[in-house]
C-alpha cells in the first residue's frame, strides 16, 4: 500500500464501512486484518469477511464490541 493520491475521491471501506480516501477497496486496518485472517462468516453480522480464528468475529464486530465494553465498564469483548 503506497501513498494515496490527493485527487482520489472518498469511498467506503468494504470491511468496516469507514469513509475517506482509501488506498483500495479496504482501509489500511481492514487490509491488514484480511492478510492475517481467513475469509469466513462472521458470528456477529453474518457477512462473508475475514474473521478471527478464536471467536469468529470480523474486525467491525470486534471494534464495535470493544467500544461497547469500554463504555459499559465491563472487562470482556468475547460477545459483542
PDB file of N, CA and C in Angstrom:
ATOM      1  N   UNK A   1       0.838  -1.174   0.000  1.00  0.00           N
ATOM      2  CA  UNK A   1       0.000   0.000   0.000  1.00  0.00           C
ATOM      3  C   UNK A   1       0.881   1.235   0.000  1.00  0.00           C
ATOM      4  N   UNK A   2       0.715   2.012  -1.011  1.00  0.00           N
ATOM      5  CA  UNK A   2       1.507   3.215  -1.134  1.00  0.00           C
ATOM      6  C   UNK A   2       0.742   4.449  -0.699  1.00  0.00           C
ATOM      7  N   UNK A   3       1.230   5.588  -1.152  1.00  0.00           N
ATOM      8  CA  UNK A   3       0.595   6.859  -0.831  1.00  0.00           C
ATOM      9  C   UNK A   3      -0.708   6.996  -1.618  1.00  0.00           C
ATOM     10  N   UNK A   4      -1.697   7.598  -0.993  1.00  0.00           N
ATOM     11  CA  UNK A   4      -2.998   7.806  -1.625  1.00  0.00           C
ATOM     12  C   UNK A   4      -2.997   9.164  -2.319  1.00  0.00           C
ATOM     13  N   UNK A   5      -3.410   9.188  -3.571  1.00  0.00           N
ATOM     14  CA  UNK A   5      -3.460  10.428  -4.338  1.00  0.00           C
ATOM     15  C   UNK A   5      -4.461  11.395  -3.710  1.00  0.00           C
ATOM     16  N   UNK A   6      -4.099  12.659  -3.689  1.00  0.00           N
ATOM     17  CA  UNK A   6      -4.994  13.688  -3.138  1.00  0.00           C
ATOM     18  C   UNK A   6      -6.245  13.873  -3.997  1.00  0.00           C
ATOM     19  N   UNK A   7      -6.177  13.484  -5.255  1.00  0.00           N
ATOM     20  CA  UNK A   7      -7.309  13.633  -6.168  1.00  0.00           C
ATOM     21  C   UNK A   7      -8.276  12.455  -6.113  1.00  0.00           C
ATOM     22  N   UNK A   8      -7.926  11.408  -5.386  1.00  0.00           N
ATOM     23  CA  UNK A   8      -8.794  10.233  -5.322  1.00  0.00           C
ATOM     24  C   UNK A   8     -10.061  10.586  -4.542  1.00  0.00           C
ATOM     25  N   UNK A   9     -11.233  10.226  -5.063  1.00  0.00           N
ATOM     26  CA  UNK A   9     -12.481  10.547  -4.362  1.00  0.00           C
ATOM     27  C   UNK A   9     -12.667   9.683  -3.119  1.00  0.00           C
ATOM     28  N   UNK A  10     -13.436  10.175  -2.192  1.00  0.00           N
ATOM     29  CA  UNK A  10     -13.728   9.433  -0.972  1.00  0.00           C
ATOM     30  C   UNK A  10     -14.598   8.219  -1.296  1.00  0.00           C
ATOM     31  N   UNK A  11     -14.435   7.171  -0.507  1.00  0.00           N
ATOM     32  CA  UNK A  11     -15.209   5.943  -0.700  1.00  0.00           C
ATOM     33  C   UNK A  11     -15.401   5.270   0.648  1.00  0.00           C
ATOM     34  N   UNK A  12     -16.225   4.232   0.680  1.00  0.00           N
ATOM     35  CA  UNK A  12     -16.499   3.481   1.902  1.00  0.00           C
ATOM     36  C   UNK A  12     -15.722   2.173   1.883  1.00  0.00           C
ATOM     37  N   UNK A  13     -15.098   1.825   3.003  1.00  0.00           N
ATOM     38  CA  UNK A  13     -14.354   0.577   3.137  1.00  0.00           C
ATOM     39  C   UNK A  13     -15.321  -0.601   3.065  1.00  0.00           C
ATOM     40  N   UNK A  14     -14.979  -1.624   2.307  1.00  0.00           N
ATOM     41  CA  UNK A  14     -15.827  -2.810   2.173  1.00  0.00           C
ATOM     42  C   UNK A  14     -15.855  -3.654   3.444  1.00  0.00           C
ATOM     43  N   UNK A  15     -14.860  -3.477   4.309  1.00  0.00           N
ATOM     44  CA  UNK A  15     -14.790  -4.277   5.529  1.00  0.00           C
ATOM     45  C   UNK A  15     -15.479  -3.653   6.726  1.00  0.00           C
ATOM     46  N   UNK A  16     -15.191  -2.376   6.994  1.00  0.00           N
ATOM     47  CA  UNK A  16     -15.714  -1.744   8.213  1.00  0.00           C
ATOM     48  C   UNK A  16     -16.607  -0.541   7.932  1.00  0.00           C
ATOM     49  N   UNK A  17     -16.811  -0.227   6.665  1.00  0.00           N
ATOM     50  CA  UNK A  17     -17.663   0.888   6.237  1.00  0.00           C
ATOM     51  C   UNK A  17     -17.115   2.263   6.619  1.00  0.00           C
ATOM     52  N   UNK A  18     -15.815   2.340   6.974  1.00  0.00           N
ATOM     53  CA  UNK A  18     -15.187   3.639   7.236  1.00  0.00           C
ATOM     54  C   UNK A  18     -15.210   4.445   5.944  1.00  0.00           C
ATOM     55  N   UNK A  19     -15.219   5.749   6.063  1.00  0.00           N
ATOM     56  CA  UNK A  19     -15.362   6.613   4.909  1.00  0.00           C
ATOM     57  C   UNK A  19     -14.128   7.497   4.788  1.00  0.00           C
ATOM     58  N   UNK A  20     -13.613   7.633   3.584  1.00  0.00           N
ATOM     59  CA  UNK A  20     -12.476   8.507   3.359  1.00  0.00           C
ATOM     60  C   UNK A  20     -11.741   8.144   2.088  1.00  0.00           C
ATOM     61  N   UNK A  21     -10.559   8.700   1.906  1.00  0.00           N
ATOM     62  CA  UNK A  21      -9.727   8.371   0.758  1.00  0.00           C
ATOM     63  C   UNK A  21      -8.994   7.075   1.071  1.00  0.00           C
ATOM     64  N   UNK A  22      -9.404   6.014   0.436  1.00  0.00           N
ATOM     65  CA  UNK A  22      -8.854   4.695   0.717  1.00  0.00           C
ATOM     66  C   UNK A  22      -7.836   4.293  -0.340  1.00  0.00           C
ATOM     67  N   UNK A  23      -6.857   3.466   0.044  1.00  0.00           N
ATOM     68  CA  UNK A  23      -5.869   3.008  -0.930  1.00  0.00           C
ATOM     69  C   UNK A  23      -6.438   2.001  -1.923  1.00  0.00           C
ATOM     70  N   UNK A  24      -7.545   1.363  -1.611  1.00  0.00           N
ATOM     71  CA  UNK A  24      -8.183   0.371  -2.475  1.00  0.00           C
ATOM     72  C   UNK A  24      -9.621   0.188  -2.021  1.00  0.00           C
ATOM     73  N   UNK A  25     -10.108  -1.051  -2.011  1.00  0.00           N
ATOM     74  CA  UNK A  25     -11.471  -1.324  -1.539  1.00  0.00           C
ATOM     75  C   UNK A  25     -11.566  -1.293  -0.017  1.00  0.00           C
ATOM     76  N   UNK A  26     -10.424  -1.444   0.668  1.00  0.00           N
ATOM     77  CA  UNK A  26     -10.394  -1.536   2.126  1.00  0.00           C
ATOM     78  C   UNK A  26      -9.533  -0.435   2.732  1.00  0.00           C
ATOM     79  N   UNK A  27      -9.857  -0.052   3.962  1.00  0.00           N
ATOM     80  CA  UNK A  27      -8.991   0.858   4.708  1.00  0.00           C
ATOM     81  C   UNK A  27      -7.736   0.076   5.099  1.00  0.00           C
ATOM     82  N   UNK A  28      -6.729   0.743   5.579  1.00  0.00           N
ATOM     83  CA  UNK A  28      -5.474   0.068   5.933  1.00  0.00           C
ATOM     84  C   UNK A  28      -5.678  -0.971   7.039  1.00  0.00           C
ATOM     85  N   UNK A  29      -6.524  -0.664   8.009  1.00  0.00           N
ATOM     86  CA  UNK A  29      -6.790  -1.602   9.100  1.00  0.00           C
ATOM     87  C   UNK A  29      -7.443  -2.884   8.618  1.00  0.00           C
ATOM     88  N   UNK A  30      -8.442  -2.769   7.763  1.00  0.00           N
ATOM     89  CA  UNK A  30      -9.129  -3.955   7.234  1.00  0.00           C
ATOM     90  C   UNK A  30      -8.240  -4.726   6.274  1.00  0.00           C
ATOM     91  N   UNK A  31      -7.404  -4.015   5.530  1.00  0.00           N
ATOM     92  CA  UNK A  31      -6.472  -4.687   4.629  1.00  0.00           C
ATOM     93  C   UNK A  31      -5.519  -5.571   5.439  1.00  0.00           C
ATOM     94  N   UNK A  32      -4.963  -5.026   6.504  1.00  0.00           N
ATOM     95  CA  UNK A  32      -4.051  -5.790   7.355  1.00  0.00           C
ATOM     96  C   UNK A  32      -4.775  -6.940   8.027  1.00  0.00           C
ATOM     97  N   UNK A  33      -5.970  -6.707   8.542  1.00  0.00           N
ATOM     98  CA  UNK A  33      -6.767  -7.755   9.184  1.00  0.00           C
ATOM     99  C   UNK A  33      -7.043  -8.886   8.192  1.00  0.00           C
ATOM    100  N   UNK A  34      -7.305  -8.540   6.955  1.00  0.00           N
ATOM    101  CA  UNK A  34      -7.556  -9.530   5.917  1.00  0.00           C
ATOM    102  C   UNK A  34      -6.332 -10.357   5.570  1.00  0.00           C
ATOM    103  N   UNK A  35      -5.155  -9.766   5.725  1.00  0.00           N
ATOM    104  CA  UNK A  35      -3.919 -10.504   5.476  1.00  0.00           C
ATOM    105  C   UNK A  35      -3.640 -11.517   6.583  1.00  0.00           C
ATOM    106  N   UNK A  36      -4.131 -11.242   7.786  1.00  0.00           N
ATOM    107  CA  UNK A  36      -3.852 -12.088   8.948  1.00  0.00           C
ATOM    108  C   UNK A  36      -4.938 -13.119   9.241  1.00  0.00           C
ATOM    109  N   UNK A  37      -6.132 -12.960   8.669  1.00  0.00           N
ATOM    110  CA  UNK A  37      -7.255 -13.842   8.968  1.00  0.00           C
ATOM    111  C   UNK A  37      -7.912 -14.367   7.690  1.00  0.00           C
ATOM    112  N   UNK A  38      -8.447 -15.575   7.768  1.00  0.00           N
ATOM    113  CA  UNK A  38      -9.102 -16.210   6.619  1.00  0.00           C
ATOM    114  C   UNK A  38     -10.538 -15.711   6.468  1.00  0.00           C
ATOM    115  N   UNK A  39     -11.052 -15.786   5.240  1.00  0.00           N
ATOM    116  CA  UNK A  39     -12.446 -15.434   4.989  1.00  0.00           C
ATOM    117  C   UNK A  39     -13.364 -16.452   5.651  1.00  0.00           C
ATOM    118  N   UNK A  40     -14.477 -15.959   6.147  1.00  0.00           N
ATOM    119  CA  UNK A  40     -15.476 -16.817   6.761  1.00  0.00           C
ATOM    120  C   UNK A  40     -16.709 -16.001   7.080  1.00  0.00           C
ATOM    121  N   UNK A  41     -17.712 -16.641   7.662  1.00  0.00           N
ATOM    122  CA  UNK A  41     -18.926 -15.934   8.049  1.00  0.00           C
ATOM    123  C   UNK A  41     -18.765 -15.417   9.471  1.00  0.00           C
ATOM    124  N   UNK A  42     -18.943 -14.121   9.644  1.00  0.00           N
ATOM    125  CA  UNK A  42     -18.831 -13.507  10.966  1.00  0.00           C
ATOM    126  C   UNK A  42     -19.997 -13.969  11.836  1.00  0.00           C
ATOM    127  N   UNK A  43     -19.695 -14.319  13.071  1.00  0.00           N
ATOM    128  CA  UNK A  43     -20.711 -14.772  14.018  1.00  0.00           C
ATOM    129  C   UNK A  43     -21.665 -13.630  14.368  1.00  0.00           C
ATOM    130  N   UNK A  44     -21.166 -12.394  14.346  1.00  0.00           N
ATOM    131  CA  UNK A  44     -21.992 -11.254  14.723  1.00  0.00           C
ATOM    132  C   UNK A  44     -22.874 -10.714  13.619  1.00  0.00           C
ATOM    133  N   UNK A  45     -22.279 -10.402  12.470  1.00  0.00           N
ATOM    134  CA  UNK A  45     -23.039  -9.740  11.402  1.00  0.00           C
ATOM    135  C   UNK A  45     -23.380 -10.652  10.230  1.00  0.00           C
ATOM    136  N   UNK A  46     -22.852 -11.850  10.216  1.00  0.00           N
ATOM    137  CA  UNK A  46     -23.129 -12.870   9.193  1.00  0.00           C
ATOM    138  C   UNK A  46     -22.616 -12.516   7.799  1.00  0.00           C
ATOM    139  N   UNK A  47     -21.724 -11.518   7.698  1.00  0.00           N
ATOM    140  CA  UNK A  47     -21.125 -11.185   6.398  1.00  0.00           C
ATOM    141  C   UNK A  47     -19.971 -12.137   6.109  1.00  0.00           C
ATOM    142  N   UNK A  48     -19.654 -12.330   4.838  1.00  0.00           N
ATOM    143  CA  UNK A  48     -18.501 -13.129   4.423  1.00  0.00           C
ATOM    144  C   UNK A  48     -17.296 -12.198   4.329  1.00  0.00           C
ATOM    145  N   UNK A  49     -16.520 -12.147   5.401  1.00  0.00           N
ATOM    146  CA  UNK A  49     -15.361 -11.269   5.524  1.00  0.00           C
ATOM    147  C   UNK A  49     -14.277 -12.012   6.311  1.00  0.00           C
ATOM    148  N   UNK A  50     -13.051 -11.467   6.382  1.00  0.00           N
ATOM    149  CA  UNK A  50     -12.044 -12.108   7.229  1.00  0.00           C
ATOM    150  C   UNK A  50     -12.494 -12.118   8.694  1.00  0.00           C
ATOM    151  N   UNK A  51     -12.391 -13.281   9.339  1.00  0.00           N
ATOM    152  CA  UNK A  51     -12.785 -13.419  10.747  1.00  0.00           C
ATOM    153  C   UNK A  51     -11.638 -14.026  11.546  1.00  0.00           C
ATOM    154  N   UNK A  52     -11.590 -13.719  12.840  1.00  0.00           N
ATOM    155  CA  UNK A  52     -10.540 -14.300  13.676  1.00  0.00           C
ATOM    156  C   UNK A  52     -10.849 -15.767  13.970  1.00  0.00           C
ATOM    157  N   UNK A  53      -9.817 -16.550  14.153  1.00  0.00           N
ATOM    158  CA  UNK A  53      -9.966 -17.987  14.368  1.00  0.00           C
ATOM    159  C   UNK A  53     -10.520 -18.317  15.752  1.00  0.00           C
ATOM    160  N   UNK A  54     -10.227 -17.487  16.723  1.00  0.00           N
ATOM    161  CA  UNK A  54     -10.593 -17.798  18.109  1.00  0.00           C
ATOM    162  C   UNK A  54     -12.083 -17.637  18.385  1.00  0.00           C
ATOM    163  N   UNK A  55     -12.664 -16.503  17.973  1.00  0.00           N
ATOM    164  CA  UNK A  55     -14.062 -16.218  18.292  1.00  0.00           C
ATOM    165  C   UNK A  55     -14.981 -16.156  17.075  1.00  0.00           C
ATOM    166  N   UNK A  56     -14.429 -15.967  15.873  1.00  0.00           N
ATOM    167  CA  UNK A  56     -15.234 -15.949  14.665  1.00  0.00           C
ATOM    168  C   UNK A  56     -15.858 -14.615  14.305  1.00  0.00           C
ATOM    169  N   UNK A  57     -15.322 -13.520  14.850  1.00  0.00           N
ATOM    170  CA  UNK A  57     -15.866 -12.194  14.569  1.00  0.00           C
ATOM    171  C   UNK A  57     -14.994 -11.438  13.577  1.00  0.00           C
ATOM    172  N   UNK A  58     -15.618 -10.567  12.793  1.00  0.00           N
ATOM    173  CA  UNK A  58     -14.880  -9.719  11.855  1.00  0.00           C
ATOM    174  C   UNK A  58     -14.307  -8.509  12.609  1.00  0.00           C
ATOM    175  N   UNK A  59     -13.504  -7.730  11.909  1.00  0.00           N
ATOM    176  CA  UNK A  59     -12.875  -6.552  12.513  1.00  0.00           C
ATOM    177  C   UNK A  59     -13.926  -5.532  12.968  1.00  0.00           C
ATOM    178  N   UNK A  60     -14.963  -5.324  12.166  1.00  0.00           N
ATOM    179  CA  UNK A  60     -16.011  -4.369  12.509  1.00  0.00           C
ATOM    180  C   UNK A  60     -16.738  -4.779  13.793  1.00  0.00           C
ATOM    181  N   UNK A  61     -17.143  -6.041  13.902  1.00  0.00           N
ATOM    182  CA  UNK A  61     -17.859  -6.505  15.099  1.00  0.00           C
ATOM    183  C   UNK A  61     -16.963  -6.467  16.336  1.00  0.00           C
ATOM    184  N   UNK A  62     -15.683  -6.804  16.179  1.00  0.00           N
ATOM    185  CA  UNK A  62     -14.749  -6.749  17.314  1.00  0.00           C
ATOM    186  C   UNK A  62     -14.565  -5.303  17.776  1.00  0.00           C
ATOM    187  N   UNK A  63     -14.445  -4.385  16.827  1.00  0.00           N
ATOM    188  CA  UNK A  63     -14.288  -2.974  17.192  1.00  0.00           C
ATOM    189  C   UNK A  63     -15.540  -2.449  17.887  1.00  0.00           C
ATOM    190  N   UNK A  64     -16.710  -2.789  17.363  1.00  0.00           N
ATOM    191  CA  UNK A  64     -17.963  -2.346  17.973  1.00  0.00           C
ATOM    192  C   UNK A  64     -18.086  -2.893  19.389  1.00  0.00           C
ATOM    193  N   UNK A  65     -17.729  -4.163  19.582  1.00  0.00           N
ATOM    194  CA  UNK A  65     -17.785  -4.769  20.914  1.00  0.00           C
ATOM    195  C   UNK A  65     -16.811  -4.080  21.862  1.00  0.00           C
ATOM    196  N   UNK A  66     -15.623  -3.758  21.373  1.00  0.00           N
ATOM    197  CA  UNK A  66     -14.627  -3.079  22.210  1.00  0.00           C
ATOM    198  C   UNK A  66     -15.139  -1.726  22.683  1.00  0.00           C
ATOM    199  N   UNK A  67     -15.749  -0.976  21.764  1.00  0.00           N
ATOM    200  CA  UNK A  67     -16.286   0.336  22.135  1.00  0.00           C
ATOM    201  C   UNK A  67     -17.420   0.190  23.148  1.00  0.00           C
ATOM    202  N   UNK A  68     -18.294  -0.790  22.960  1.00  0.00           N
ATOM    203  CA  UNK A  68     -19.415  -1.012  23.876  1.00  0.00           C
ATOM    204  C   UNK A  68     -18.924  -1.442  25.248  1.00  0.00           C
ATOM    205  N   UNK A  69     -17.919  -2.306  25.280  1.00  0.00           N
ATOM    206  CA  UNK A  69     -17.361  -2.781  26.546  1.00  0.00           C
ATOM    207  C   UNK A  69     -16.714  -1.626  27.301  1.00  0.00           C
ATOM    208  N   UNK A  70     -15.938  -0.807  26.597  1.00  0.00           N
ATOM    209  CA  UNK A  70     -15.293   0.339  27.251  1.00  0.00           C
ATOM    210  C   UNK A  70     -16.323   1.305  27.813  1.00  0.00           C
ATOM    211  N   UNK A  71     -17.413   1.515  27.079  1.00  0.00           N
ATOM    212  CA  UNK A  71     -18.464   2.426  27.536  1.00  0.00           C
ATOM    213  C   UNK A  71     -19.214   1.874  28.744  1.00  0.00           C
ATOM    214  N   UNK A  72     -19.355   0.545  28.811  1.00  0.00           N
ATOM    215  CA  UNK A  72     -20.119  -0.059  29.912  1.00  0.00           C
ATOM    216  C   UNK A  72     -19.255  -0.376  31.127  1.00  0.00           C
ATOM    217  N   UNK A  73     -17.943  -0.399  30.963  1.00  0.00           N
ATOM    218  CA  UNK A  73     -17.051  -0.689  32.078  1.00  0.00           C
ATOM    219  C   UNK A  73     -16.815  -2.180  32.308  1.00  0.00           C
ATOM    220  N   UNK A  74     -17.293  -3.042  31.407  1.00  0.00           N
ATOM    221  CA  UNK A  74     -17.057  -4.483  31.544  1.00  0.00           C
ATOM    222  C   UNK A  74     -15.625  -4.820  31.146  1.00  0.00           C
ATOM    223  N   UNK A  75     -15.242  -6.084  31.315  1.00  0.00           N
ATOM    224  CA  UNK A  75     -13.854  -6.462  31.057  1.00  0.00           C
ATOM    225  C   UNK A  75     -13.677  -7.443  29.913  1.00  0.00           C
ATOM    226  N   UNK A  76     -14.714  -7.788  29.151  1.00  0.00           N
ATOM    227  CA  UNK A  76     -14.585  -8.807  28.108  1.00  0.00           C
ATOM    228  C   UNK A  76     -15.184  -8.325  26.789  1.00  0.00           C
ATOM    229  N   UNK A  77     -14.547  -8.716  25.692  1.00  0.00           N
ATOM    230  CA  UNK A  77     -15.077  -8.381  24.366  1.00  0.00           C
ATOM    231  C   UNK A  77     -15.437  -9.641  23.590  1.00  0.00           C
ATOM    232  N   UNK A  78     -15.624 -10.750  24.280  1.00  0.00           N
ATOM    233  CA  UNK A  78     -15.912 -12.013  23.603  1.00  0.00           C
ATOM    234  C   UNK A  78     -17.265 -11.991  22.919  1.00  0.00           C
ATOM    235  N   UNK A  79     -18.281 -11.395  23.517  1.00  0.00           N
ATOM    236  CA  UNK A  79     -19.613 -11.372  22.926  1.00  0.00           C
ATOM    237  C   UNK A  79     -20.050  -9.927  22.644  1.00  0.00           C
ATOM    238  N   UNK A  80     -20.066  -9.529  21.358  1.00  0.00           N
ATOM    239  CA  UNK A  80     -20.493  -8.151  21.049  1.00  0.00           C
ATOM    240  C   UNK A  80     -21.979  -7.949  21.244  1.00  0.00           C
TER     241      UNK A  80
END
